[in-house]
Amino acid sequence: MHSEKYESVWDALCDTRAEAADMELRSALMSAITEGVEGWDVPQKEAAKRLGLTRPRLDDMMRGKIDKFSLDALVSIATTAGFKLRFQLDEATSIAALQYEGDQHL
């Protein structure tokens, strides 16, 4: 039996490093948005309105259905939510990292 080690779960699940990087960024961004929305402590109907989403679309995001959101869509949702995104590229041994400064006063 052969055992492989991966840097992340996405490296194990994706066919290419580019796909893994995309999934890792989408996952991080979706988690940050979800955490921010939960911090608003408002009904989901209000949260969806703040984000410019339909209620079913917000439900998909809150349930972590990452396959339903592109990186572009998540960046748009995050900026609508008041997040200030900074993109930082590290050495090849580490993929890009996003830093969030959530402004939750929409």
C-alpha atoms as a PDB file:
ATOM      1  CA  MET A   1       0.000   0.000   0.000  1.00  0.00           C
ATOM      2  CA  HIS A   2       1.390   3.371  -1.068  1.00  0.00           C
ATOM      3  CA  SER A   3       0.857   6.414   1.146  1.00  0.00           C
ATOM      4  CA  GLU A   4       1.166   9.954  -0.224  1.00  0.00           C
ATOM      5  CA  LYS A   5       1.478  13.208   1.695  1.00  0.00           C
ATOM      6  CA  TYR A   6      -0.189  16.390   0.505  1.00  0.00           C
ATOM      7  CA  GLU A   7       0.200  19.999   1.594  1.00  0.00           C
ATOM      8  CA  SER A   8      -3.562  20.437   1.771  1.00  0.00           C
ATOM      9  CA  VAL A   9      -6.760  18.505   1.298  1.00  0.00           C
ATOM     10  CA  TRP A  10      -7.221  20.335  -2.003  1.00  0.00           C
ATOM     11  CA  ASP A  11      -3.903  19.007  -3.292  1.00  0.00           C
ATOM     12  CA  ALA A  12      -5.196  15.517  -2.590  1.00  0.00           C
ATOM     13  CA  LEU A  13      -8.573  16.093  -4.235  1.00  0.00           C
ATOM     14  CA  CYS A  14      -7.622  18.131  -7.302  1.00  0.00           C
ATOM     15  CA  ASP A  15      -5.832  17.014 -10.438  1.00  0.00           C
ATOM     16  CA  THR A  16      -3.557  20.047 -10.772  1.00  0.00           C
ATOM     17  CA  ARG A  17      -1.849  22.517  -8.477  1.00  0.00           C
ATOM     18  CA  ALA A  18      -3.792  25.350 -10.152  1.00  0.00           C
ATOM     19  CA  GLU A  19      -7.110  23.668  -9.365  1.00  0.00           C
ATOM     20  CA  ALA A  20      -5.996  23.093  -5.775  1.00  0.00           C
ATOM     21  CA  ALA A  21      -4.983  26.747  -5.416  1.00  0.00           C
ATOM     22  CA  ASP A  22      -8.355  27.881  -6.781  1.00  0.00           C
ATOM     23  CA  MET A  23     -10.232  25.607  -4.391  1.00  0.00           C
ATOM     24  CA  GLU A  24      -8.102  26.656  -1.431  1.00  0.00           C
ATOM     25  CA  LEU A  25      -8.772  30.342  -2.095  1.00  0.00           C
ATOM     26  CA  ARG A  26     -12.486  29.749  -2.669  1.00  0.00           C
ATOM     27  CA  SER A  27     -12.697  27.770   0.552  1.00  0.00           C
ATOM     28  CA  ALA A  28     -10.930  30.448   2.599  1.00  0.00           C
ATOM     29  CA  LEU A  29     -13.023  33.231   1.125  1.00  0.00           C
ATOM     30  CA  MET A  30     -16.292  31.362   1.559  1.00  0.00           C
ATOM     31  CA  SER A  31     -15.455  30.586   5.187  1.00  0.00           C
ATOM     32  CA  ALA A  32     -14.638  34.229   5.912  1.00  0.00           C
ATOM     33  CA  ILE A  33     -17.847  35.464   4.290  1.00  0.00           C
ATOM     34  CA  THR A  34     -19.934  32.876   6.139  1.00  0.00           C
ATOM     35  CA  GLU A  35     -18.303  33.830   9.438  1.00  0.00           C
ATOM     36  CA  GLY A  36     -18.984  37.500   8.730  1.00  0.00           C
ATOM     37  CA  VAL A  37     -22.633  36.868   7.875  1.00  0.00           C
ATOM     38  CA  GLU A  38     -23.106  34.839  11.055  1.00  0.00           C
ATOM     39  CA  GLY A  39     -21.629  37.765  13.004  1.00  0.00           C
ATOM     40  CA  TRP A  40     -24.256  40.128  11.646  1.00  0.00           C
ATOM     41  CA  ASP A  41     -26.888  38.311  13.689  1.00  0.00           C
ATOM     42  CA  VAL A  42     -29.646  39.151  11.212  1.00  0.00           C
ATOM     43  CA  PRO A  43     -32.228  36.918   9.539  1.00  0.00           C
ATOM     44  CA  GLN A  44     -30.994  35.195   6.381  1.00  0.00           C
ATOM     45  CA  LYS A  45     -33.419  37.212   4.281  1.00  0.00           C
ATOM     46  CA  GLU A  46     -31.706  40.408   5.462  1.00  0.00           C
ATOM     47  CA  ALA A  47     -28.233  38.906   5.015  1.00  0.00           C
ATOM     48  CA  ALA A  48     -29.085  37.861   1.455  1.00  0.00           C
ATOM     49  CA  LYS A  49     -30.292  41.382   0.703  1.00  0.00           C
ATOM     50  CA  ARG A  50     -27.065  42.890   2.092  1.00  0.00           C
ATOM     51  CA  LEU A  51     -25.013  40.599  -0.127  1.00  0.00           C
ATOM     52  CA  GLY A  52     -27.132  41.068  -3.233  1.00  0.00           C
ATOM     53  CA  LEU A  53     -27.988  37.368  -3.287  1.00  0.00           C
ATOM     54  CA  THR A  54     -31.168  35.374  -3.408  1.00  0.00           C
ATOM     55  CA  ARG A  55     -32.047  33.460  -0.277  1.00  0.00           C
ATOM     56  CA  PRO A  56     -31.364  30.066  -1.950  1.00  0.00           C
ATOM     57  CA  ARG A  57     -27.950  31.326  -3.126  1.00  0.00           C
ATOM     58  CA  LEU A  58     -27.120  32.478   0.405  1.00  0.00           C
ATOM     59  CA  ASP A  59     -28.241  29.087   1.731  1.00  0.00           C
ATOM     60  CA  ASP A  60     -25.811  27.397  -0.686  1.00  0.00           C
ATOM     61  CA  MET A  61     -22.983  29.568   0.590  1.00  0.00           C
ATOM     62  CA  MET A  62     -23.832  29.102   4.264  1.00  0.00           C
ATOM     63  CA  ARG A  63     -23.915  25.327   3.714  1.00  0.00           C
ATOM     64  CA  GLY A  64     -20.452  25.398   2.146  1.00  0.00           C
ATOM     65  CA  LYS A  65     -21.471  24.355  -1.358  1.00  0.00           C
ATOM     66  CA  ILE A  66     -18.168  25.533  -2.770  1.00  0.00           C
ATOM     67  CA  ASP A  67     -18.792  24.009  -6.197  1.00  0.00           C
ATOM     68  CA  LYS A  68     -21.585  26.538  -6.774  1.00  0.00           C
ATOM     69  CA  PHE A  69     -19.318  29.612  -6.421  1.00  0.00           C
ATOM     70  CA  SER A  70     -16.455  30.782  -8.595  1.00  0.00           C
ATOM     71  CA  LEU A  71     -13.570  32.731  -7.127  1.00  0.00           C
ATOM     72  CA  ASP A  72     -14.819  35.812  -9.001  1.00  0.00           C
ATOM     73  CA  ALA A  73     -18.293  35.457  -7.509  1.00  0.00           C
ATOM     74  CA  LEU A  74     -16.892  35.105  -3.986  1.00  0.00           C
ATOM     75  CA  VAL A  75     -14.681  38.184  -4.412  1.00  0.00           C
ATOM     76  CA  SER A  76     -17.736  40.136  -5.533  1.00  0.00           C
ATOM     77  CA  ILE A  77     -19.817  38.882  -2.597  1.00  0.00           C
ATOM     78  CA  ALA A  78     -17.015  39.671  -0.144  1.00  0.00           C
ATOM     79  CA  THR A  79     -16.635  43.237  -1.362  1.00  0.00           C
ATOM     80  CA  THR A  80     -20.405  43.732  -1.278  1.00  0.00           C
ATOM     81  CA  ALA A  81     -20.301  42.492   2.323  1.00  0.00           C
ATOM     82  CA  GLY A  82     -17.742  45.167   3.160  1.00  0.00           C
ATOM     83  CA  PHE A  83     -14.632  43.002   3.305  1.00  0.00           C
ATOM     84  CA  LYS A  84     -11.405  44.651   2.264  1.00  0.00           C
ATOM     85  CA  LEU A  85      -9.406  42.035   0.410  1.00  0.00           C
ATOM     86  CA  ARG A  86      -5.639  42.013   0.117  1.00  0.00           C
ATOM     87  CA  PHE A  87      -3.901  39.496  -2.041  1.00  0.00           C
ATOM     88  CA  GLN A  88      -0.422  38.316  -1.176  1.00  0.00           C
ATOM     89  CA  LEU A  89       1.674  35.869  -3.149  1.00  0.00           C
ATOM     90  CA  ASP A  90       4.228  33.882  -1.211  1.00  0.00           C
ATOM     91  CA  GLU A  91       7.089  31.722  -2.426  1.00  0.00           C
ATOM     92  CA  ALA A  92       6.272  28.700  -4.548  1.00  0.00           C
ATOM     93  CA  THR A  93       6.141  26.511  -1.443  1.00  0.00           C
ATOM     94  CA  SER A  94       3.033  28.326  -0.289  1.00  0.00           C
ATOM     95  CA  ILE A  95       0.115  29.402  -2.433  1.00  0.00           C
ATOM     96  CA  ALA A  96      -1.578  32.776  -2.267  1.00  0.00           C
ATOM     97  CA  ALA A  97      -3.081  33.973   0.968  1.00  0.00           C
ATOM     98  CA  LEU A  98      -6.022  36.278   1.454  1.00  0.00           C
ATOM     99  CA  GLN A  99      -6.291  38.577   4.411  1.00  0.00           C
ATOM    100  CA  TYR A 100      -9.659  39.833   5.504  1.00  0.00           C
ATOM    101  CA  GLU A 101     -10.624  42.979   7.284  1.00  0.00           C
ATOM    102  CA  GLY A 102     -14.356  42.600   7.602  1.00  0.00           C
ATOM    103  CA  ASP A 103     -16.372  45.782   7.864  1.00  0.00           C
ATOM    104  CA  GLN A 104     -19.717  44.428   8.917  1.00  0.00           C
ATOM    105  CA  HIS A 105     -21.626  47.720   8.960  1.00  0.00           C
ATOM    106  CA  LEU A 106     -23.557  47.430   5.698  1.00  0.00           C
END
